Amino acid sequence: MKFTKMHGTGNDYIYVNGFIEQIDNPENAAITWSDRHTGIGSDGLVLILPSENCDFRMRMFNADGSESEMCGNASRCIGKYVYDKRMTTKTSLTLETLAGVKILELYPGKDGKVEKVTVDMGEPELKATSIPVKTEFDELINRPLRFDKKIKYNVTAVSMGNPHAVIFTEGIDLLNLEAIGPVIENSDYFPRRVNTEFIEITSPDRIKMRVWERGSGETMACGTGACASVVAGVVNGKMARKVTVELKGGELQIEWSALDNHVYLTGPATFVFEGETMQ
């Protein structure tokens, strides 16, 4: 089976063209191929598939085999993949995901290859039952949650098609995310587990972010997490609506538009290598 390794600001996935390849068990493939010692190495597996209603369809599996509703970085990479490989000539695409239809705007460079992509991520969800998060409040905005005897944070919960717990703090480079991340991810507050973003505000329009993704652990970047963090910053009165998010893998530009309430994610998409593997 042929595959392509790509990354969006360091958030790397294995991409398979579902128009010509078939994976019978993508859950197991994601686990096996994502292993960085015995496999290809990635944060998960992404399938690029035909769609009845959109230009393309995405299925995305985390490194532990669980399927996720949406991935902003993977969406951008799909845009680059289908354009650079001449599967489309459009620079505005519709992408079907488990979190709904996303619109991709592609920006080719002088060489005709896509350099960056803007994804219309749609409207954020703050209603607790829709995220979902177990709480007595209609919305969980800057509320204290205790995860065990040692871990307690003020949390703002946001869904960008998948659930996020956003925590504003300082000194995020010193956090032991390997210890903290799994505890929050698997807490009883979040029935479908949760992605956790630790945010350090450097100015109203710039933040630093580390992320623990459900099913994958700490990753170099998370597009939906960056979007959720900006939404959380705005509803808490801490940030502007247009923000540069600094991640381990690079920078993303996020805008929560006051005109249509949609969140727009802009960032690069990069080919790493291509190869062939046994199923």
C-alpha atoms as a PDB file:
ATOM      1  CA  MET A   1       0.000   0.000   0.000  1.00  0.00           C
ATOM      2  CA  LYS A   2       1.318   3.417  -0.978  1.00  0.00           C
ATOM      3  CA  PHE A   3       1.239   6.197   1.592  1.00  0.00           C
ATOM      4  CA  THR A   4       2.333   9.806   2.001  1.00  0.00           C
ATOM      5  CA  LYS A   5       3.729  11.297   5.185  1.00  0.00           C
ATOM      6  CA  MET A   6       2.747  14.961   5.669  1.00  0.00           C
ATOM      7  CA  HIS A   7       2.712  17.448   8.516  1.00  0.00           C
ATOM      8  CA  GLY A   8       0.969  20.669   9.413  1.00  0.00           C
ATOM      9  CA  THR A   9       3.191  22.657  11.804  1.00  0.00           C
ATOM     10  CA  GLY A  10       4.721  19.402  13.015  1.00  0.00           C
ATOM     11  CA  ASN A  11       1.417  17.553  13.518  1.00  0.00           C
ATOM     12  CA  ASP A  12       2.295  14.575  11.311  1.00  0.00           C
ATOM     13  CA  TYR A  13      -0.023  11.972   9.817  1.00  0.00           C
ATOM     14  CA  ILE A  14       0.123   9.122   7.335  1.00  0.00           C
ATOM     15  CA  TYR A  15      -2.137   9.864   4.354  1.00  0.00           C
ATOM     16  CA  VAL A  16      -3.642   7.179   2.151  1.00  0.00           C
ATOM     17  CA  ASN A  17      -5.467   7.912  -1.100  1.00  0.00           C
ATOM     18  CA  GLY A  18      -8.747   6.062  -0.667  1.00  0.00           C
ATOM     19  CA  PHE A  19      -9.615   6.601  -4.324  1.00  0.00           C
ATOM     20  CA  ILE A  20      -7.076   3.925  -5.301  1.00  0.00           C
ATOM     21  CA  GLU A  21      -6.222   2.109  -2.048  1.00  0.00           C
ATOM     22  CA  GLN A  22      -8.397   0.185   0.406  1.00  0.00           C
ATOM     23  CA  ILE A  23      -7.676  -0.384   4.097  1.00  0.00           C
ATOM     24  CA  ASP A  24      -9.832  -3.086   5.648  1.00  0.00           C
ATOM     25  CA  ASN A  25      -8.955  -2.219   9.248  1.00  0.00           C
ATOM     26  CA  PRO A  26      -7.827   1.428   9.539  1.00  0.00           C
ATOM     27  CA  GLU A  27      -7.951   1.285  13.339  1.00  0.00           C
ATOM     28  CA  ASN A  28      -5.255  -1.391  13.496  1.00  0.00           C
ATOM     29  CA  ALA A  29      -3.285   0.231  10.688  1.00  0.00           C
ATOM     30  CA  ALA A  30      -3.209   3.505  12.635  1.00  0.00           C
ATOM     31  CA  ILE A  31      -1.803   1.759  15.701  1.00  0.00           C
ATOM     32  CA  THR A  32       0.815  -0.243  13.798  1.00  0.00           C
ATOM     33  CA  TRP A  33       1.968   2.427  11.367  1.00  0.00           C
ATOM     34  CA  SER A  34       2.023   5.288  13.879  1.00  0.00           C
ATOM     35  CA  ASP A  35       4.604   3.610  16.110  1.00  0.00           C
ATOM     36  CA  ARG A  36       7.747   5.733  15.878  1.00  0.00           C
ATOM     37  CA  HIS A  37      10.080   2.811  16.595  1.00  0.00           C
ATOM     38  CA  THR A  38       8.605  -0.090  14.612  1.00  0.00           C
ATOM     39  CA  GLY A  39       6.281   1.673  12.152  1.00  0.00           C
ATOM     40  CA  ILE A  40       6.278   4.686   9.859  1.00  0.00           C
ATOM     41  CA  GLY A  41       5.867   7.063  12.791  1.00  0.00           C
ATOM     42  CA  SER A  42       3.051   9.581  13.081  1.00  0.00           C
ATOM     43  CA  ASP A  43       0.290  11.099  15.182  1.00  0.00           C
ATOM     44  CA  GLY A  44      -2.211   8.959  13.289  1.00  0.00           C
ATOM     45  CA  LEU A  45      -3.695   7.893   9.968  1.00  0.00           C
ATOM     46  CA  VAL A  46      -5.796   9.968   7.551  1.00  0.00           C
ATOM     47  CA  LEU A  47      -7.841   8.544   4.686  1.00  0.00           C
ATOM     48  CA  ILE A  48      -8.698  10.741   1.684  1.00  0.00           C
ATOM     49  CA  LEU A  49     -11.977   9.408   0.312  1.00  0.00           C
ATOM     50  CA  PRO A  50     -14.709  10.122  -2.253  1.00  0.00           C
ATOM     51  CA  SER A  51     -17.760  12.008  -1.024  1.00  0.00           C
ATOM     52  CA  GLU A  52     -21.301  12.033  -2.325  1.00  0.00           C
ATOM     53  CA  ASN A  53     -21.898  15.662  -1.347  1.00  0.00           C
ATOM     54  CA  CYS A  54     -18.452  17.306  -1.145  1.00  0.00           C
ATOM     55  CA  ASP A  55     -15.262  17.430  -3.176  1.00  0.00           C
ATOM     56  CA  PHE A  56     -13.538  15.005  -0.763  1.00  0.00           C
ATOM     57  CA  ARG A  57     -14.137  13.162   2.513  1.00  0.00           C
ATOM     58  CA  MET A  58     -11.744  12.680   5.427  1.00  0.00           C
ATOM     59  CA  ARG A  59     -11.516   9.906   8.006  1.00  0.00           C
ATOM     60  CA  MET A  60      -8.933  10.471  10.709  1.00  0.00           C
ATOM     61  CA  PHE A  61      -7.601   7.930  13.237  1.00  0.00           C
ATOM     62  CA  ASN A  62      -5.442   8.735  16.236  1.00  0.00           C
ATOM     63  CA  ALA A  63      -2.273   6.806  17.054  1.00  0.00           C
ATOM     64  CA  ASP A  64      -4.249   4.583  19.457  1.00  0.00           C
ATOM     65  CA  GLY A  65      -6.704   3.589  16.694  1.00  0.00           C
ATOM     66  CA  SER A  66      -9.605   5.737  17.893  1.00  0.00           C
ATOM     67  CA  GLU A  67     -11.418   7.736  15.232  1.00  0.00           C
ATOM     68  CA  SER A  68     -11.616  11.501  15.651  1.00  0.00           C
ATOM     69  CA  GLU A  69     -14.272  13.827  14.300  1.00  0.00           C
ATOM     70  CA  MET A  70     -11.991  16.533  12.961  1.00  0.00           C
ATOM     71  CA  CYS A  71      -8.382  17.659  12.583  1.00  0.00           C
ATOM     72  CA  GLY A  72      -7.504  21.136  11.354  1.00  0.00           C
ATOM     73  CA  ASN A  73      -3.892  20.330  10.491  1.00  0.00           C
ATOM     74  CA  ALA A  74      -4.914  17.191   8.577  1.00  0.00           C
ATOM     75  CA  SER A  75      -7.553  19.161   6.684  1.00  0.00           C
ATOM     76  CA  ARG A  76      -4.920  21.585   5.434  1.00  0.00           C
ATOM     77  CA  CYS A  77      -2.668  18.726   4.361  1.00  0.00           C
ATOM     78  CA  ILE A  78      -5.519  17.114   2.448  1.00  0.00           C
ATOM     79  CA  GLY A  79      -5.970  20.380   0.563  1.00  0.00           C
ATOM     80  CA  LYS A  80      -2.316  20.355  -0.452  1.00  0.00           C
ATOM     81  CA  TYR A  81      -2.369  16.641  -1.284  1.00  0.00           C
ATOM     82  CA  VAL A  82      -5.341  16.725  -3.663  1.00  0.00           C
ATOM     83  CA  TYR A  83      -4.196  19.909  -5.415  1.00  0.00           C
ATOM     84  CA  ASP A  84      -0.514  19.069  -5.772  1.00  0.00           C
ATOM     85  CA  LYS A  85      -1.364  15.557  -7.010  1.00  0.00           C
ATOM     86  CA  ARG A  86      -3.831  17.014  -9.525  1.00  0.00           C
ATOM     87  CA  MET A  87      -6.873  15.333  -8.070  1.00  0.00           C
ATOM     88  CA  THR A  88      -8.513  18.756  -8.415  1.00  0.00           C
ATOM     89  CA  THR A  89      -7.823  22.123  -9.998  1.00  0.00           C
ATOM     90  CA  LYS A  90     -10.017  23.990  -7.527  1.00  0.00           C
ATOM     91  CA  THR A  91      -8.496  26.323  -4.960  1.00  0.00           C
ATOM     92  CA  SER A  92     -11.721  26.356  -2.926  1.00  0.00           C
ATOM     93  CA  LEU A  93     -12.803  22.910  -1.744  1.00  0.00           C
ATOM     94  CA  THR A  94     -15.463  21.324   0.424  1.00  0.00           C
ATOM     95  CA  LEU A  95     -14.324  18.560   2.781  1.00  0.00           C
ATOM     96  CA  GLU A  96     -16.717  16.146   4.475  1.00  0.00           C
ATOM     97  CA  THR A  97     -15.761  15.257   8.052  1.00  0.00           C
ATOM     98  CA  LEU A  98     -17.508  13.692  11.033  1.00  0.00           C
ATOM     99  CA  ALA A  99     -17.741  17.259  12.395  1.00  0.00           C
ATOM    100  CA  GLY A 100     -19.559  18.512   9.288  1.00  0.00           C
ATOM    101  CA  VAL A 101     -18.502  20.113   6.020  1.00  0.00           C
ATOM    102  CA  LYS A 102     -15.383  22.294   6.088  1.00  0.00           C
ATOM    103  CA  ILE A 103     -14.384  24.777   3.392  1.00  0.00           C
ATOM    104  CA  LEU A 104     -10.719  24.926   2.382  1.00  0.00           C
ATOM    105  CA  GLU A 105      -9.070  27.866   0.624  1.00  0.00           C
ATOM    106  CA  LEU A 106      -5.780  26.868  -1.002  1.00  0.00           C
ATOM    107  CA  TYR A 107      -2.884  29.225  -1.688  1.00  0.00           C
ATOM    108  CA  PRO A 108      -0.459  27.880  -4.325  1.00  0.00           C
ATOM    109  CA  GLY A 109       3.019  29.372  -4.538  1.00  0.00           C
ATOM    110  CA  LYS A 110       5.051  30.361  -7.585  1.00  0.00           C
ATOM    111  CA  ASP A 111       5.922  26.708  -8.227  1.00  0.00           C
ATOM    112  CA  GLY A 112       2.237  25.779  -8.447  1.00  0.00           C
ATOM    113  CA  LYS A 113       2.351  23.834  -5.177  1.00  0.00           C
ATOM    114  CA  VAL A 114       0.118  24.722  -2.245  1.00  0.00           C
ATOM    115  CA  GLU A 115       2.044  26.536   0.493  1.00  0.00           C
ATOM    116  CA  LYS A 116      -0.717  27.299   2.982  1.00  0.00           C
ATOM    117  CA  VAL A 117      -4.401  26.625   3.491  1.00  0.00           C
ATOM    118  CA  THR A 118      -7.209  28.402   5.315  1.00  0.00           C
ATOM    119  CA  VAL A 119      -9.908  26.186   6.792  1.00  0.00           C
ATOM    120  CA  ASP A 120     -13.331  27.527   7.716  1.00  0.00           C
ATOM    121  CA  MET A 121     -13.767  25.568  10.933  1.00  0.00           C
ATOM    122  CA  GLY A 122     -17.363  26.703  11.450  1.00  0.00           C
ATOM    123  CA  GLU A 123     -18.884  27.969  14.668  1.00  0.00           C
ATOM    124  CA  PRO A 124     -17.467  26.969  18.052  1.00  0.00           C
ATOM    125  CA  GLU A 125     -19.698  25.195  20.553  1.00  0.00           C
ATOM    126  CA  LEU A 126     -19.726  26.318  24.188  1.00  0.00           C
ATOM    127  CA  LYS A 127     -22.822  24.469  25.418  1.00  0.00           C
ATOM    128  CA  ALA A 128     -21.623  21.898  27.947  1.00  0.00           C
ATOM    129  CA  THR A 129     -23.974  19.086  26.896  1.00  0.00           C
ATOM    130  CA  SER A 130     -22.865  19.448  23.264  1.00  0.00           C
ATOM    131  CA  ILE A 131     -19.113  19.337  23.904  1.00  0.00           C
ATOM    132  CA  PRO A 132     -19.772  17.116  25.975  1.00  0.00           C
ATOM    133  CA  VAL A 133     -18.622  17.886  29.508  1.00  0.00           C
ATOM    134  CA  LYS A 134     -20.282  16.841  32.750  1.00  0.00           C
ATOM    135  CA  THR A 135     -21.021  19.964  34.780  1.00  0.00           C
ATOM    136  CA  GLU A 136     -23.897  21.656  36.547  1.00  0.00           C
ATOM    137  CA  PHE A 137     -23.362  24.753  34.396  1.00  0.00           C
ATOM    138  CA  ASP A 138     -24.761  25.427  30.916  1.00  0.00           C
ATOM    139  CA  GLU A 139     -21.248  26.457  29.852  1.00  0.00           C
ATOM    140  CA  LEU A 140     -17.908  25.634  31.435  1.00  0.00           C
ATOM    141  CA  ILE A 141     -15.993  28.927  31.276  1.00  0.00           C
ATOM    142  CA  ASN A 142     -13.019  29.410  33.611  1.00  0.00           C
ATOM    143  CA  ARG A 143     -14.450  26.968  36.168  1.00  0.00           C
ATOM    144  CA  PRO A 144     -12.209  25.104  38.640  1.00  0.00           C
ATOM    145  CA  LEU A 145     -12.004  21.341  38.112  1.00  0.00           C
ATOM    146  CA  ARG A 146     -10.121  18.908  40.321  1.00  0.00           C
ATOM    147  CA  PHE A 147      -8.756  15.910  38.457  1.00  0.00           C
ATOM    148  CA  ASP A 148      -6.996  14.227  41.372  1.00  0.00           C
ATOM    149  CA  LYS A 149      -5.456  15.249  44.688  1.00  0.00           C
ATOM    150  CA  LYS A 150      -2.635  17.140  42.968  1.00  0.00           C
ATOM    151  CA  ILE A 151      -4.164  18.408  39.721  1.00  0.00           C
ATOM    152  CA  LYS A 152      -6.632  21.303  39.778  1.00  0.00           C
ATOM    153  CA  TYR A 153      -7.120  23.891  37.044  1.00  0.00           C
ATOM    154  CA  ASN A 154      -9.599  26.506  35.895  1.00  0.00           C
ATOM    155  CA  VAL A 155     -10.950  25.099  32.632  1.00  0.00           C
ATOM    156  CA  THR A 156     -12.830  26.533  29.677  1.00  0.00           C
ATOM    157  CA  ALA A 157     -14.484  23.836  27.559  1.00  0.00           C
ATOM    158  CA  VAL A 158     -14.981  24.347  23.817  1.00  0.00           C
ATOM    159  CA  SER A 159     -15.908  22.064  20.942  1.00  0.00           C
ATOM    160  CA  MET A 160     -14.564  22.624  17.453  1.00  0.00           C
ATOM    161  CA  GLY A 161     -16.245  19.430  16.298  1.00  0.00           C
ATOM    162  CA  ASN A 162     -14.147  17.626  18.921  1.00  0.00           C
ATOM    163  CA  PRO A 163     -13.885  18.411  22.660  1.00  0.00           C
ATOM    164  CA  HIS A 164     -11.243  20.698  24.156  1.00  0.00           C
ATOM    165  CA  ALA A 165     -10.287  21.731  27.671  1.00  0.00           C
ATOM    166  CA  VAL A 166      -8.416  25.050  27.564  1.00  0.00           C
ATOM    167  CA  ILE A 167      -6.272  26.040  30.545  1.00  0.00           C
ATOM    168  CA  PHE A 168      -4.574  29.431  30.879  1.00  0.00           C
ATOM    169  CA  THR A 169      -1.383  29.315  32.912  1.00  0.00           C
ATOM    170  CA  GLU A 170       2.247  30.422  32.957  1.00  0.00           C
ATOM    171  CA  GLY A 171       5.481  28.532  32.452  1.00  0.00           C
ATOM    172  CA  ILE A 172       3.987  25.985  30.081  1.00  0.00           C
ATOM    173  CA  ASP A 173       7.448  24.885  28.923  1.00  0.00           C
ATOM    174  CA  LEU A 174       8.035  23.461  32.395  1.00  0.00           C
ATOM    175  CA  LEU A 175       4.803  21.437  32.568  1.00  0.00           C
ATOM    176  CA  ASN A 176       5.103  17.650  32.918  1.00  0.00           C
ATOM    177  CA  LEU A 177       2.516  17.005  30.237  1.00  0.00           C
ATOM    178  CA  GLU A 178       3.247  13.275  30.168  1.00  0.00           C
ATOM    179  CA  ALA A 179       1.911  13.085  33.728  1.00  0.00           C
ATOM    180  CA  ILE A 180      -0.866  15.663  33.559  1.00  0.00           C
ATOM    181  CA  GLY A 181      -2.248  14.991  30.061  1.00  0.00           C
ATOM    182  CA  PRO A 182      -3.589  11.449  30.521  1.00  0.00           C
ATOM    183  CA  VAL A 183      -5.300  12.332  33.792  1.00  0.00           C
ATOM    184  CA  ILE A 184      -7.303  15.156  32.200  1.00  0.00           C
ATOM    185  CA  GLU A 185      -7.915  13.250  28.954  1.00  0.00           C
ATOM    186  CA  ASN A 186      -9.521  10.312  30.741  1.00  0.00           C
ATOM    187  CA  SER A 187     -11.305  12.163  33.558  1.00  0.00           C
ATOM    188  CA  ASP A 188     -14.989  11.554  34.251  1.00  0.00           C
ATOM    189  CA  TYR A 189     -15.776  15.161  33.328  1.00  0.00           C
ATOM    190  CA  PHE A 190     -15.358  14.300  29.635  1.00  0.00           C
ATOM    191  CA  PRO A 191     -17.392  11.268  28.455  1.00  0.00           C
ATOM    192  CA  ARG A 192     -15.648  11.181  25.049  1.00  0.00           C
ATOM    193  CA  ARG A 193     -12.237  12.058  26.476  1.00  0.00           C
ATOM    194  CA  VAL A 194     -10.762  15.451  25.688  1.00  0.00           C
ATOM    195  CA  ASN A 195      -7.917  17.348  24.041  1.00  0.00           C
ATOM    196  CA  THR A 196      -6.169  19.619  26.529  1.00  0.00           C
ATOM    197  CA  GLU A 197      -4.511  22.922  25.647  1.00  0.00           C
ATOM    198  CA  PHE A 198      -2.211  24.776  28.042  1.00  0.00           C
ATOM    199  CA  ILE A 199      -2.006  28.423  27.014  1.00  0.00           C
ATOM    200  CA  GLU A 200       0.451  31.144  27.964  1.00  0.00           C
ATOM    201  CA  ILE A 201      -0.571  34.607  26.770  1.00  0.00           C
ATOM    202  CA  THR A 202       2.346  36.743  25.607  1.00  0.00           C
ATOM    203  CA  SER A 203       0.151  39.558  24.214  1.00  0.00           C
ATOM    204  CA  PRO A 204      -3.525  39.977  23.280  1.00  0.00           C
ATOM    205  CA  ASP A 205      -2.780  38.775  19.753  1.00  0.00           C
ATOM    206  CA  ARG A 206      -0.092  36.139  20.439  1.00  0.00           C
ATOM    207  CA  ILE A 207      -0.091  33.016  22.620  1.00  0.00           C
ATOM    208  CA  LYS A 208       2.092  29.997  23.273  1.00  0.00           C
ATOM    209  CA  MET A 209       0.387  26.600  23.358  1.00  0.00           C
ATOM    210  CA  ARG A 210       1.152  23.023  24.325  1.00  0.00           C
ATOM    211  CA  VAL A 211      -1.385  20.331  23.624  1.00  0.00           C
ATOM    212  CA  TRP A 212      -2.189  16.838  24.829  1.00  0.00           C
ATOM    213  CA  GLU A 213      -4.356  15.161  22.183  1.00  0.00           C
ATOM    214  CA  ARG A 214      -6.690  12.338  23.111  1.00  0.00           C
ATOM    215  CA  GLY A 215      -5.424   9.137  21.583  1.00  0.00           C
ATOM    216  CA  SER A 216      -2.045  10.546  20.519  1.00  0.00           C
ATOM    217  CA  GLY A 217      -0.406  12.243  23.530  1.00  0.00           C
ATOM    218  CA  GLU A 218       1.544  15.472  23.214  1.00  0.00           C
ATOM    219  CA  THR A 219       1.767  16.605  19.607  1.00  0.00           C
ATOM    220  CA  MET A 220       3.717  19.380  17.906  1.00  0.00           C
ATOM    221  CA  ALA A 221       0.498  21.195  16.998  1.00  0.00           C
ATOM    222  CA  CYS A 222      -3.292  20.916  17.020  1.00  0.00           C
ATOM    223  CA  GLY A 223      -5.384  23.025  14.674  1.00  0.00           C
ATOM    224  CA  THR A 224      -8.725  22.523  16.390  1.00  0.00           C
ATOM    225  CA  GLY A 225      -6.981  23.104  19.722  1.00  0.00           C
ATOM    226  CA  ALA A 226      -5.547  26.402  18.525  1.00  0.00           C
ATOM    227  CA  CYS A 227      -9.034  27.457  17.416  1.00  0.00           C
ATOM    228  CA  ALA A 228     -10.588  26.392  20.720  1.00  0.00           C
ATOM    229  CA  SER A 229      -7.912  28.297  22.630  1.00  0.00           C
ATOM    230  CA  VAL A 230      -8.602  31.557  20.825  1.00  0.00           C
ATOM    231  CA  VAL A 231     -12.343  31.142  21.418  1.00  0.00           C
ATOM    232  CA  ALA A 232     -11.639  30.488  25.110  1.00  0.00           C
ATOM    233  CA  GLY A 233      -9.393  33.540  25.267  1.00  0.00           C
ATOM    234  CA  VAL A 234     -12.056  35.777  23.757  1.00  0.00           C
ATOM    235  CA  VAL A 235     -14.932  34.583  25.982  1.00  0.00           C
ATOM    236  CA  ASN A 236     -12.684  35.071  29.008  1.00  0.00           C
ATOM    237  CA  GLY A 237     -11.814  38.605  27.905  1.00  0.00           C
ATOM    238  CA  LYS A 238      -8.117  37.790  27.612  1.00  0.00           C
ATOM    239  CA  MET A 239      -7.407  37.926  23.871  1.00  0.00           C
ATOM    240  CA  ALA A 240      -8.193  39.549  20.536  1.00  0.00           C
ATOM    241  CA  ARG A 241     -10.226  37.750  17.892  1.00  0.00           C
ATOM    242  CA  LYS A 242      -7.240  37.452  15.538  1.00  0.00           C
ATOM    243  CA  VAL A 243      -4.290  35.673  17.136  1.00  0.00           C
ATOM    244  CA  THR A 244      -0.987  34.049  16.203  1.00  0.00           C
ATOM    245  CA  VAL A 245      -0.614  30.748  18.026  1.00  0.00           C
ATOM    246  CA  GLU A 246       2.951  29.611  18.671  1.00  0.00           C
ATOM    247  CA  LEU A 247       3.298  25.826  18.907  1.00  0.00           C
ATOM    248  CA  LYS A 248       6.219  23.433  19.111  1.00  0.00           C
ATOM    249  CA  GLY A 249       5.924  22.808  15.376  1.00  0.00           C
ATOM    250  CA  GLY A 250       5.473  26.380  14.204  1.00  0.00           C
ATOM    251  CA  GLU A 251       2.831  29.079  14.042  1.00  0.00           C
ATOM    252  CA  LEU A 252      -0.860  29.134  13.119  1.00  0.00           C
ATOM    253  CA  GLN A 253      -3.073  32.142  12.469  1.00  0.00           C
ATOM    254  CA  ILE A 254      -6.535  31.943  14.006  1.00  0.00           C
ATOM    255  CA  GLU A 255      -9.420  34.372  13.558  1.00  0.00           C
ATOM    256  CA  TRP A 256     -12.807  34.116  15.254  1.00  0.00           C
ATOM    257  CA  SER A 257     -14.885  36.324  12.981  1.00  0.00           C
ATOM    258  CA  ALA A 258     -17.429  38.625  14.594  1.00  0.00           C
ATOM    259  CA  LEU A 259     -19.295  38.748  11.275  1.00  0.00           C
ATOM    260  CA  ASP A 260     -20.321  35.096  10.875  1.00  0.00           C
ATOM    261  CA  ASN A 261     -19.154  33.581  14.209  1.00  0.00           C
ATOM    262  CA  HIS A 262     -16.927  31.161  12.263  1.00  0.00           C
ATOM    263  CA  VAL A 263     -13.355  30.349  13.258  1.00  0.00           C
ATOM    264  CA  TYR A 264     -10.748  30.463  10.486  1.00  0.00           C
ATOM    265  CA  LEU A 265      -7.501  28.504  10.696  1.00  0.00           C
ATOM    266  CA  THR A 266      -4.566  29.376   8.437  1.00  0.00           C
ATOM    267  CA  GLY A 267      -1.240  27.593   8.298  1.00  0.00           C
ATOM    268  CA  PRO A 268       1.254  25.640   6.188  1.00  0.00           C
ATOM    269  CA  ALA A 269       1.031  22.085   4.891  1.00  0.00           C
ATOM    270  CA  THR A 270       4.175  20.106   4.079  1.00  0.00           C
ATOM    271  CA  PHE A 271       5.085  16.853   2.315  1.00  0.00           C
ATOM    272  CA  VAL A 272       7.657  14.779   4.228  1.00  0.00           C
ATOM    273  CA  PHE A 273       8.077  11.597   2.186  1.00  0.00           C
ATOM    274  CA  GLU A 274       6.226   8.866   0.328  1.00  0.00           C
ATOM    275  CA  GLY A 275       6.583   5.123   0.625  1.00  0.00           C
ATOM    276  CA  GLU A 276       4.976   1.717   0.461  1.00  0.00           C
ATOM    277  CA  THR A 277       4.058  -0.631   3.279  1.00  0.00           C
ATOM    278  CA  MET A 278       2.585  -4.068   3.755  1.00  0.00           C
ATOM    279  CA  GLN A 279      -0.932  -4.054   5.205  1.00  0.00           C
END
